[in-house]
Protein backbone atom coordinates (compact mmCIF):
# COMPACT_ATOMS: atom_id res chain seq x y z
CA MET A 1 77.57 -31.21 -57.86
CA LEU A 2 77.28 -31.87 -54.16
CA ALA A 3 75.84 -34.80 -52.29
CA PRO A 4 72.17 -34.37 -51.24
CA ASP A 5 73.08 -34.83 -47.56
CA MET A 6 75.63 -32.49 -45.95
CA ARG A 7 76.91 -35.38 -43.83
CA ASP A 8 78.37 -36.81 -47.03
CA TRP A 9 80.30 -33.64 -47.82
CA LEU A 10 83.08 -34.16 -45.29
CA PRO A 11 84.77 -37.22 -43.75
CA GLU A 12 83.62 -38.24 -40.31
CA GLY A 13 86.69 -37.01 -38.42
CA HIS A 14 86.88 -33.58 -40.05
CA LEU A 15 87.53 -30.56 -37.84
CA ALA A 16 84.26 -28.93 -38.89
CA TRP A 17 82.19 -31.73 -37.35
CA PHE A 18 84.30 -31.58 -34.22
CA VAL A 19 83.77 -27.81 -33.87
CA LEU A 20 80.01 -28.22 -34.23
CA ASP A 21 79.98 -30.93 -31.55
CA ALA A 22 82.16 -28.80 -29.25
CA VAL A 23 79.90 -25.74 -29.61
CA ALA A 24 76.88 -27.89 -28.79
CA GLU A 25 78.44 -28.61 -25.37
CA MET A 26 79.24 -24.97 -24.58
CA ASP A 27 77.18 -22.55 -22.53
CA LEU A 28 76.23 -19.82 -25.01
CA SER A 29 73.67 -18.05 -22.85
CA ALA A 30 75.76 -14.85 -22.89
CA PHE A 31 75.38 -14.69 -26.68
CA TYR A 32 71.65 -15.38 -26.74
CA ALA A 33 70.97 -12.83 -23.98
CA ALA A 34 71.80 -9.98 -26.37
CA TYR A 35 68.94 -10.83 -28.75
CA ARG A 36 65.27 -9.89 -28.50
CA ARG A 37 62.81 -12.66 -27.74
CA ASP A 38 59.62 -10.86 -28.78
CA GLY A 39 59.98 -11.44 -32.50
CA TRP A 40 60.65 -7.79 -33.33
CA GLY A 41 63.41 -6.83 -35.70
CA ARG A 42 65.14 -8.60 -38.53
CA PRO A 43 65.87 -12.31 -37.84
CA ALA A 44 69.46 -12.78 -36.73
CA TYR A 45 71.84 -15.59 -37.56
CA ASP A 46 71.87 -18.29 -34.90
CA PRO A 47 74.60 -17.30 -32.37
CA ALA A 48 75.66 -20.96 -32.09
CA MET A 49 76.34 -21.01 -35.83
CA MET A 50 78.29 -17.73 -35.64
CA VAL A 51 80.38 -19.02 -32.73
CA ALA A 52 81.16 -22.24 -34.61
CA LEU A 53 82.06 -20.20 -37.69
CA LEU A 54 84.50 -18.01 -35.77
CA LEU A 55 86.10 -20.96 -33.98
CA TYR A 56 86.59 -22.90 -37.21
CA ALA A 57 87.85 -19.87 -39.14
CA TYR A 58 90.41 -18.95 -36.46
CA ALA A 59 91.50 -22.59 -36.22
CA ARG A 60 92.15 -22.48 -39.98
CA ALA A 61 94.14 -19.22 -39.68
CA GLU A 62 91.40 -17.14 -41.32
CA ARG A 63 90.72 -14.04 -39.21
CA SER A 64 89.58 -11.56 -41.84
CA SER A 65 85.80 -11.03 -41.87
CA ARG A 66 85.88 -10.62 -45.65
CA GLY A 67 87.97 -13.77 -45.97
CA ILE A 68 85.48 -15.68 -43.80
CA GLU A 69 82.56 -14.44 -45.94
CA ARG A 70 84.35 -15.54 -49.09
CA ARG A 71 85.07 -19.01 -47.72
CA CYS A 72 81.44 -19.43 -46.65
CA GLY A 73 80.56 -19.45 -50.34
CA GLU A 74 83.55 -21.42 -51.64
CA ASP A 75 84.71 -23.87 -48.95
CA VAL A 76 82.65 -26.98 -48.27
CA ALA A 77 83.60 -27.12 -44.57
CA TYR A 78 82.43 -23.54 -44.04
CA ARG A 79 79.17 -24.32 -45.87
CA VAL A 80 78.59 -27.26 -43.55
CA ILE A 81 79.07 -25.07 -40.48
CA THR A 82 76.79 -22.30 -41.77
CA ALA A 83 74.20 -24.71 -43.25
CA ASN A 84 74.69 -23.11 -46.67
CA GLN A 85 74.20 -19.59 -45.35
CA VAL A 86 76.67 -16.82 -46.21
CA PRO A 87 76.89 -14.13 -43.49
CA ASP A 88 78.34 -10.95 -44.95
CA HIS A 89 81.58 -9.53 -43.60
CA ALA A 90 79.83 -6.65 -41.81
CA THR A 91 77.66 -9.11 -39.88
CA ILE A 92 80.71 -11.15 -38.88
CA ALA A 93 82.61 -8.02 -37.81
CA ARG A 94 79.63 -6.73 -35.81
CA PHE A 95 79.21 -10.10 -34.10
CA ARG A 96 82.85 -10.02 -32.97
CA ARG A 97 82.47 -6.45 -31.76
CA ASP A 98 79.09 -6.77 -30.05
CA HIS A 99 79.97 -10.04 -28.26
CA GLU A 100 83.52 -9.11 -27.32
CA ASP A 101 83.33 -10.33 -23.71
CA ALA A 102 81.38 -13.48 -24.52
CA ILE A 103 83.90 -14.42 -27.22
CA ALA A 104 86.73 -13.95 -24.70
CA ASP A 105 84.90 -16.31 -22.33
CA LEU A 106 84.92 -19.05 -24.98
CA PHE A 107 88.48 -19.67 -23.78
CA THR A 108 87.10 -21.00 -20.49
CA GLU A 109 84.51 -23.15 -22.28
CA VAL A 110 87.17 -24.79 -24.47
CA LEU A 111 89.46 -25.31 -21.48
CA ALA A 112 86.62 -27.13 -19.70
CA LEU A 113 86.26 -29.46 -22.69
CA CYS A 114 90.00 -30.18 -22.59
CA ALA A 115 89.75 -30.91 -18.87
CA LYS A 116 86.92 -33.42 -19.47
CA ALA A 117 89.14 -35.19 -21.98
CA GLY A 118 91.97 -35.43 -19.43
CA LEU A 119 94.30 -33.12 -21.36
CA VAL A 120 94.94 -30.58 -18.60
CA ASN A 121 97.76 -31.72 -16.33
CA VAL A 122 98.85 -28.84 -14.08
CA GLY A 123 101.63 -30.48 -12.14
CA VAL A 124 104.01 -28.04 -13.83
CA ILE A 125 102.98 -24.95 -15.79
CA ALA A 126 105.03 -22.35 -17.64
CA VAL A 127 104.33 -18.65 -18.18
CA ASP A 128 105.75 -16.45 -20.90
CA GLY A 129 104.86 -13.55 -23.16
CA THR A 130 105.25 -12.67 -26.82
CA LYS A 131 104.93 -9.35 -28.61
CA LEU A 132 102.23 -9.01 -31.27
CA HIS A 133 101.85 -6.10 -33.69
CA ALA A 134 98.90 -3.81 -33.16
CA ASN A 135 96.55 -2.92 -36.01
CA ALA A 136 98.37 0.40 -36.22
CA SER A 137 101.61 1.89 -37.48
CA ASP A 138 104.24 3.44 -35.23
CA ARG A 139 104.19 6.37 -37.66
CA SER A 140 100.77 7.24 -36.23
CA ASN A 141 102.27 8.10 -32.83
CA LEU A 142 101.74 11.74 -31.84
CA THR A 143 102.86 13.84 -28.90
CA TYR A 144 100.40 15.67 -26.64
CA GLU A 145 101.17 18.96 -28.38
CA GLN A 146 100.58 17.45 -31.83
CA ILE A 147 97.25 15.96 -30.72
CA ALA A 148 96.12 19.25 -29.15
CA ARG A 149 97.10 21.19 -32.27
CA GLU A 150 95.14 18.83 -34.56
CA LEU A 151 92.08 18.95 -32.29
CA LEU A 152 92.13 22.76 -32.32
CA GLU A 153 92.48 22.81 -36.11
CA GLN A 154 89.55 20.42 -36.41
CA ALA A 155 87.43 22.60 -34.09
CA GLU A 156 88.21 25.68 -36.19
CA GLU A 157 87.30 23.81 -39.36
CA ILE A 158 83.95 22.77 -37.84
CA ASP A 159 83.24 26.38 -36.82
CA ARG A 160 83.99 27.64 -40.32
CA GLY A 161 81.73 25.02 -41.85
CA GLU A 162 78.85 25.90 -39.52
CA ASP A 163 79.30 29.61 -40.27
CA GLU A 164 79.05 28.94 -43.99
CA ARG A 165 76.05 26.66 -43.54
CA PHE A 166 73.96 28.54 -40.97
CA GLY A 167 75.19 32.14 -41.20
CA GLU A 168 73.77 34.16 -38.31
CA ALA A 169 71.40 31.37 -37.21
CA ARG A 170 72.17 29.03 -34.33
CA GLY A 171 71.79 25.93 -36.46
CA ASP A 172 69.35 24.07 -34.22
CA GLU A 173 66.15 25.74 -35.46
CA LEU A 174 63.36 23.65 -36.99
CA PRO A 175 63.64 23.35 -40.79
CA PRO A 176 61.11 25.43 -42.76
CA GLU A 177 59.11 22.40 -43.88
CA LEU A 178 58.43 21.51 -40.24
CA ARG A 179 57.54 25.04 -39.14
CA VAL A 180 54.40 25.11 -41.29
CA SER A 181 51.33 22.96 -41.13
CA GLY A 182 51.53 19.59 -42.84
CA ASP A 183 51.88 15.91 -42.15
CA ARG A 184 54.89 15.99 -39.80
CA ARG A 185 54.53 12.31 -39.01
CA LYS A 186 55.24 11.29 -42.61
CA ARG A 187 58.21 13.66 -42.86
CA LEU A 188 59.72 12.35 -39.62
CA ALA A 189 59.16 8.74 -40.65
CA ALA A 190 60.93 9.37 -43.97
CA ALA A 191 63.82 11.09 -42.15
CA ARG A 192 64.11 8.15 -39.74
CA ARG A 193 64.23 5.64 -42.59
CA LEU A 194 66.98 7.69 -44.25
CA LEU A 195 68.93 7.77 -40.98
CA ASP A 196 68.59 3.99 -40.56
CA ASP A 197 69.86 3.46 -44.11
CA GLU A 198 72.88 5.67 -43.38
CA ARG A 199 73.63 3.71 -40.21
CA GLU A 200 73.46 0.42 -42.10
CA ALA A 201 75.89 1.78 -44.70
CA GLU A 202 78.26 3.03 -42.01
CA ALA A 203 78.23 -0.35 -40.23
CA GLU A 204 79.75 -2.00 -43.31
CA GLN A 205 82.79 0.28 -43.27
CA VAL A 206 85.82 0.34 -40.99
CA PRO A 207 85.33 3.14 -38.41
CA ARG A 208 87.38 6.22 -39.35
CA GLU A 209 86.60 8.56 -36.44
CA ARG A 210 90.09 9.95 -36.12
CA ILE A 211 89.00 12.79 -33.84
CA SER A 212 87.54 10.32 -31.33
CA ARG A 213 90.79 8.36 -31.35
CA LEU A 214 92.81 11.54 -30.89
CA LYS A 215 90.66 12.56 -27.94
CA GLN A 216 91.15 9.13 -26.38
CA GLY A 217 94.93 9.39 -26.78
CA GLU A 218 94.92 12.95 -25.41
CA ARG A 219 92.90 11.81 -22.38
CA ARG A 220 95.28 8.93 -21.68
CA LEU A 221 98.35 11.15 -21.81
CA ARG A 222 96.68 13.73 -19.55
CA GLU A 223 95.60 11.07 -17.00
CA GLU A 224 99.11 9.63 -16.88
CA TRP A 225 100.52 13.14 -16.40
CA GLU A 226 98.06 13.87 -13.56
CA LEU A 227 98.89 10.55 -11.87
CA ASP A 228 102.59 11.31 -12.08
CA GLU A 229 101.92 14.75 -10.61
CA ARG A 230 100.07 13.28 -7.61
CA VAL A 231 102.76 10.68 -6.96
CA ASN A 232 105.51 13.31 -7.16
CA ALA A 233 103.62 15.61 -4.76
CA GLU A 234 103.20 12.77 -2.25
CA TYR A 235 106.90 11.98 -2.49
CA GLU A 236 107.81 15.63 -1.93
CA ARG A 237 105.61 15.77 1.19
CA TRP A 238 107.23 12.60 2.52
CA ARG A 239 110.67 13.97 1.76
CA GLU A 240 109.97 17.18 3.67
CA ARG A 241 109.58 15.20 6.89
CA GLY A 242 113.27 14.27 6.65
CA ILE A 243 112.81 10.82 8.26
CA SER A 244 112.58 7.54 6.28
CA VAL A 245 110.25 4.66 7.20
CA ASP A 246 113.02 2.85 9.11
CA GLY A 247 113.83 5.93 11.26
CA ARG A 248 116.96 7.08 9.42
CA ARG A 249 117.44 10.73 8.54
CA LEU A 250 117.25 11.45 4.83
CA GLY A 251 120.25 12.98 3.10
CA ARG A 252 120.37 16.40 1.51
CA ARG A 253 118.28 16.96 -1.60
CA ASP A 254 119.95 16.98 -4.96
CA PRO A 255 119.54 20.51 -6.38
CA ASP A 256 118.74 18.92 -9.77
CA HIS A 257 116.05 16.59 -8.42
CA TYR A 258 113.07 15.55 -10.51
CA ARG A 259 110.65 18.29 -11.50
CA HIS A 260 107.20 17.49 -12.82
CA PRO A 261 106.80 18.61 -16.47
CA GLU A 262 104.38 21.42 -17.21
CA SER A 263 102.49 19.41 -19.87
CA PRO A 264 101.87 15.68 -20.55
CA GLN A 265 104.81 13.83 -22.02
CA GLY A 266 105.04 10.68 -24.11
CA ILE A 267 103.18 9.67 -27.25
CA ALA A 268 99.80 8.18 -28.14
CA ASN A 269 98.84 6.34 -31.30
CA SER A 270 96.15 8.01 -33.40
CA THR A 271 95.07 4.69 -34.96
CA ASP A 272 94.99 2.44 -31.87
CA PRO A 273 95.33 4.59 -28.72
CA GLY A 274 95.44 1.45 -26.57
CA SER A 275 98.63 0.12 -28.12
CA ARG A 276 102.18 1.01 -27.03
CA LYS A 277 105.71 0.82 -28.35
CA VAL A 278 106.90 -2.49 -26.88
CA LYS A 279 110.47 -3.75 -26.89
CA THR A 280 111.39 -6.89 -28.83
CA PRO A 281 114.74 -8.59 -29.53
CA ARG A 282 114.72 -6.76 -32.89
CA GLY A 283 113.89 -3.34 -31.51
CA TYR A 284 110.64 -1.55 -30.71
CA MET A 285 107.31 -2.11 -32.43
CA GLN A 286 103.78 -0.78 -32.06
CA GLY A 287 101.88 -3.56 -30.38
CA TYR A 288 100.92 -5.48 -27.26
CA ASN A 289 102.52 -7.96 -24.89
CA ALA A 290 100.43 -11.15 -25.19
CA GLN A 291 100.80 -13.37 -22.11
CA ALA A 292 100.04 -17.09 -21.84
CA VAL A 293 100.34 -19.92 -19.31
CA ALA A 294 100.70 -23.46 -20.68
CA THR A 295 100.90 -27.03 -19.40
CA ALA A 296 103.30 -29.80 -20.33
CA GLU A 297 100.84 -30.87 -23.05
CA GLN A 298 100.96 -27.29 -24.44
CA ILE A 299 97.38 -26.57 -23.39
CA VAL A 300 96.99 -22.83 -22.67
CA VAL A 301 95.32 -22.33 -19.28
CA ALA A 302 95.44 -18.52 -19.15
CA ALA A 303 95.72 -15.81 -21.78
CA GLU A 304 95.83 -12.04 -21.23
CA VAL A 305 97.09 -8.92 -23.02
CA THR A 306 99.21 -6.16 -21.47
CA VAL A 307 100.89 -3.01 -22.78
CA THR A 308 104.17 -3.09 -20.85
CA SER A 309 107.30 -4.48 -22.48
CA SER A 310 108.71 -5.97 -19.29
CA ASP A 311 107.30 -9.22 -17.89
CA SER A 312 108.47 -8.55 -14.31
CA THR A 313 105.04 -7.39 -13.09
CA HIS A 314 103.03 -10.17 -14.75
CA LEU A 315 104.07 -13.28 -12.81
CA ALA A 316 101.52 -13.24 -9.97
CA PRO A 317 98.64 -11.80 -12.07
CA MET A 318 99.05 -14.46 -14.77
CA ILE A 319 99.25 -17.35 -12.31
CA THR A 320 96.24 -15.95 -10.45
CA ALA A 321 94.36 -15.78 -13.75
CA ALA A 322 95.41 -19.37 -14.49
CA CYS A 323 94.12 -20.54 -11.10
CA GLU A 324 90.77 -18.84 -11.75
CA GLU A 325 90.46 -20.45 -15.19
CA LEU A 326 91.37 -23.86 -13.77
CA HIS A 327 88.87 -23.46 -10.94
CA ALA A 328 86.12 -22.60 -13.45
CA ALA A 329 87.05 -25.76 -15.38
CA GLY A 330 86.98 -27.87 -12.20
CA ILE A 331 90.74 -28.41 -12.00
CA LYS A 332 92.96 -28.07 -8.95
CA PRO A 333 95.61 -25.29 -8.79
CA PRO A 334 99.08 -25.87 -10.25
CA GLU A 335 101.89 -27.31 -8.16
CA VAL A 336 104.97 -25.77 -9.82
CA VAL A 337 105.41 -22.64 -11.96
CA VAL A 338 108.46 -22.06 -14.15
CA ALA A 339 109.36 -18.76 -15.82
CA ASP A 340 112.37 -17.14 -17.45
CA ALA A 341 114.50 -14.36 -15.95
CA GLY A 342 112.21 -11.63 -17.28
CA TYR A 343 109.60 -12.61 -14.67
CA TRP A 344 111.88 -12.19 -11.67
CA ASN A 345 109.97 -10.36 -8.97
CA GLY A 346 110.73 -11.18 -5.35
CA ALA A 347 107.35 -10.05 -4.02
CA HIS A 348 105.47 -12.08 -6.65
CA ILE A 349 107.56 -15.18 -6.01
CA GLU A 350 106.95 -15.00 -2.27
CA HIS A 351 103.23 -14.43 -2.84
CA LEU A 352 102.91 -17.56 -5.00
CA VAL A 353 104.98 -19.67 -2.61
CA ASN A 354 102.71 -18.56 0.25
CA GLN A 355 99.78 -19.81 -1.86
CA GLY A 356 101.39 -23.27 -1.96
CA ILE A 357 102.70 -22.95 -5.54
CA GLN A 358 106.40 -23.67 -5.91
CA THR A 359 107.88 -21.05 -8.23
CA LEU A 360 111.09 -21.42 -10.22
CA VAL A 361 112.37 -18.27 -11.91
CA CYS A 362 115.91 -17.88 -13.18
CA PRO A 363 117.52 -14.87 -11.39
CA GLU A 364 119.32 -13.75 -14.55
CA ALA A 365 119.51 -14.56 -18.23
CA LEU A 366 121.17 -17.91 -18.94
CA LYS A 367 123.83 -16.22 -21.07
CA ARG A 368 125.25 -14.43 -18.01
CA LYS A 369 128.19 -16.19 -16.39
CA THR A 370 128.18 -14.15 -13.18
CA PRO A 371 125.32 -12.73 -11.08
CA ARG A 372 124.21 -9.18 -11.66
CA PRO A 373 125.40 -6.66 -9.05
CA GLY A 374 123.27 -6.90 -5.92
CA ARG A 375 121.81 -10.29 -6.91
CA ASP A 376 124.17 -12.60 -5.10
CA LYS A 377 122.42 -13.06 -1.75
CA GLY A 378 119.04 -13.82 -0.22
CA LEU A 379 116.34 -15.12 -2.53
CA TYR A 380 118.66 -14.87 -5.54
CA ALA A 381 121.21 -17.23 -4.02
CA PHE A 382 118.50 -19.59 -2.80
CA MET A 383 116.89 -19.79 -6.25
CA ARG A 384 120.26 -20.53 -7.87
CA ARG A 385 120.83 -23.42 -5.46
CA VAL A 386 117.38 -24.80 -6.26
CA LEU A 387 117.91 -24.55 -10.02
CA GLU A 388 121.34 -26.17 -9.76
CA SER A 389 119.90 -29.17 -7.94
CA GLU A 390 118.96 -32.23 -9.98
CA ALA A 391 115.21 -31.89 -9.32
CA GLY A 392 115.15 -28.13 -9.86
CA HIS A 393 117.13 -28.37 -13.09
CA ALA A 394 114.81 -31.09 -14.42
CA LEU A 395 111.72 -29.01 -13.67
CA TYR A 396 113.07 -25.77 -15.12
CA LYS A 397 114.27 -27.58 -18.23
CA GLN A 398 110.62 -28.20 -19.17
CA ARG A 399 109.85 -24.49 -19.50
CA GLN A 400 111.04 -23.96 -23.05
CA VAL A 401 109.33 -27.01 -24.56
CA MET A 402 106.06 -26.18 -22.80
CA ILE A 403 105.47 -22.58 -23.83
CA GLU A 404 107.72 -21.65 -26.77
CA PRO A 405 106.12 -24.10 -29.27
CA VAL A 406 102.72 -22.58 -28.46
CA PHE A 407 103.87 -19.14 -29.62
CA ALA A 408 105.68 -20.60 -32.63
CA HIS A 409 102.56 -22.48 -33.74
CA ILE A 410 100.30 -19.46 -33.28
CA LYS A 411 102.56 -16.84 -34.87
CA HIS A 412 104.27 -18.86 -37.61
CA ASN A 413 101.98 -21.74 -38.57
CA ARG A 414 98.71 -19.88 -38.06
CA ARG A 415 100.11 -16.47 -39.08
CA ALA A 416 98.58 -14.74 -36.05
CA ASP A 417 101.45 -12.33 -35.39
CA ARG A 418 99.32 -9.19 -35.69
CA PHE A 419 96.03 -8.24 -34.07
CA GLN A 420 93.16 -7.48 -36.44
CA ARG A 421 91.16 -5.43 -33.95
CA ARG A 422 91.97 -2.20 -32.14
CA GLY A 423 91.95 -1.42 -28.44
CA ARG A 424 93.25 -3.46 -25.55
CA ALA A 425 89.86 -5.02 -24.71
CA ALA A 426 89.29 -6.00 -28.34
CA CYS A 427 92.81 -7.43 -28.64
CA ARG A 428 92.34 -9.37 -25.40
CA SER A 429 89.16 -10.90 -26.83
CA GLU A 430 91.00 -11.81 -30.04
CA TRP A 431 94.02 -13.24 -28.19
CA ARG A 432 91.80 -15.44 -26.01
CA LEU A 433 89.95 -16.63 -29.14
CA ILE A 434 93.29 -17.46 -30.80
CA THR A 435 94.50 -19.46 -27.80
CA ALA A 436 91.08 -21.11 -27.41
CA THR A 437 91.27 -22.44 -30.97
CA HIS A 438 94.83 -23.60 -30.26
CA ASN A 439 93.43 -25.71 -27.41
CA LEU A 440 90.53 -26.83 -29.58
CA MET A 441 92.87 -28.21 -32.24
CA LYS A 442 94.87 -29.97 -29.54
CA LEU A 443 91.66 -31.60 -28.33
CA HIS A 444 90.68 -32.56 -31.88
CA ARG A 445 94.01 -34.25 -32.52
CA HIS A 446 93.76 -36.04 -29.19
CA GLN A 447 90.33 -37.48 -29.98
CA THR A 448 91.11 -38.43 -33.57
CA ALA A 449 94.55 -39.94 -32.86
CA PRO A 450 94.72 -43.69 -33.46
CA ALA A 451 94.52 -45.73 -30.27
CA ALA A 452 97.80 -47.17 -29.02
CA ALA A 453 98.24 -50.88 -29.64
């Protein structure tokens, strides 16, 4: 037996009320733009309600569309958000898929709300990455030859099936019932209704188009092979000139120099072709490298997904992304950036410093007692002197407590250590939604915290 007024179902400071208020302040025009305004078609669930439902579910560590549907019928907070409606899991999954970019942009909307509340202090920011499992197994990795062999076998199977079905005919002739006189309009209308029913049934199931995924993986491997071929050819042409860019004569060629392979190398995953085998402290796993930039208050100001294990090429792109997010939220650029040794990149450091952002990156892992060979002069030596100073040491000391707890909270407390969706774009959308709800809960705790005496 529930109270007659939904406002009596939950206490005043409950997260569900806060999510509804937050969504009311967001710009959701990108969601509404995808719907027809002429009244045609089946009425859709209000996009604002669906956005609030996703934000609340992800904040409560519920990312399964079936789990969200179940809670909409059992959990009072979910029933408040949906106004006693129960969207089915297929509708929730389609909403996430169809509004992928708009959901990713919710990160900026939540960050703007945090900025209005005074929670975004960018005097010092920290950047780091963490590896998340893909929605795929590493046992699904195939070489180019294995993919090509399976595609050929599938093509032969299709040909055999068409031969058995059509015989000597082409297979695209009109069916007999449409070759004779009759009411074609009724027959076509019935066929269209049957097709629509089949599409509705297919939309409720997880896509299983293995051949399409294999073709995507085969295309990626071939494109990488062609790129490598072009780069190698350009290098060979440069080498033939015999003079380097600084005017020195090049030495003799090694007789065993690199030769471009005759076919694409590497592996592609048949379940999630966008994922890669990324290196972790415990070995390799099939997944993505999720990047984040956080403030001293552990507010995430940038979130992106990459497929490379190393962080050395992500420093400037992540700080640039953070500056763009901060600008959209009406916040000035950061003053100081701190990062661990994995982000060392001389060109990136100089680029950020030229932009007026002081950058502190440890030249080597803290466990090393001596510098790595070749890293004892120039920018390496300068950065060590800065980090050994009292001010530099105090700034760099903040890095771990700024960014590491964010990943610990997301992966351990909220159990978001594996992506539910497939493909880099889909995983980016999900990662930004995860970090957006992290910020949203920070904002909720800030506004509901008791005032200091």
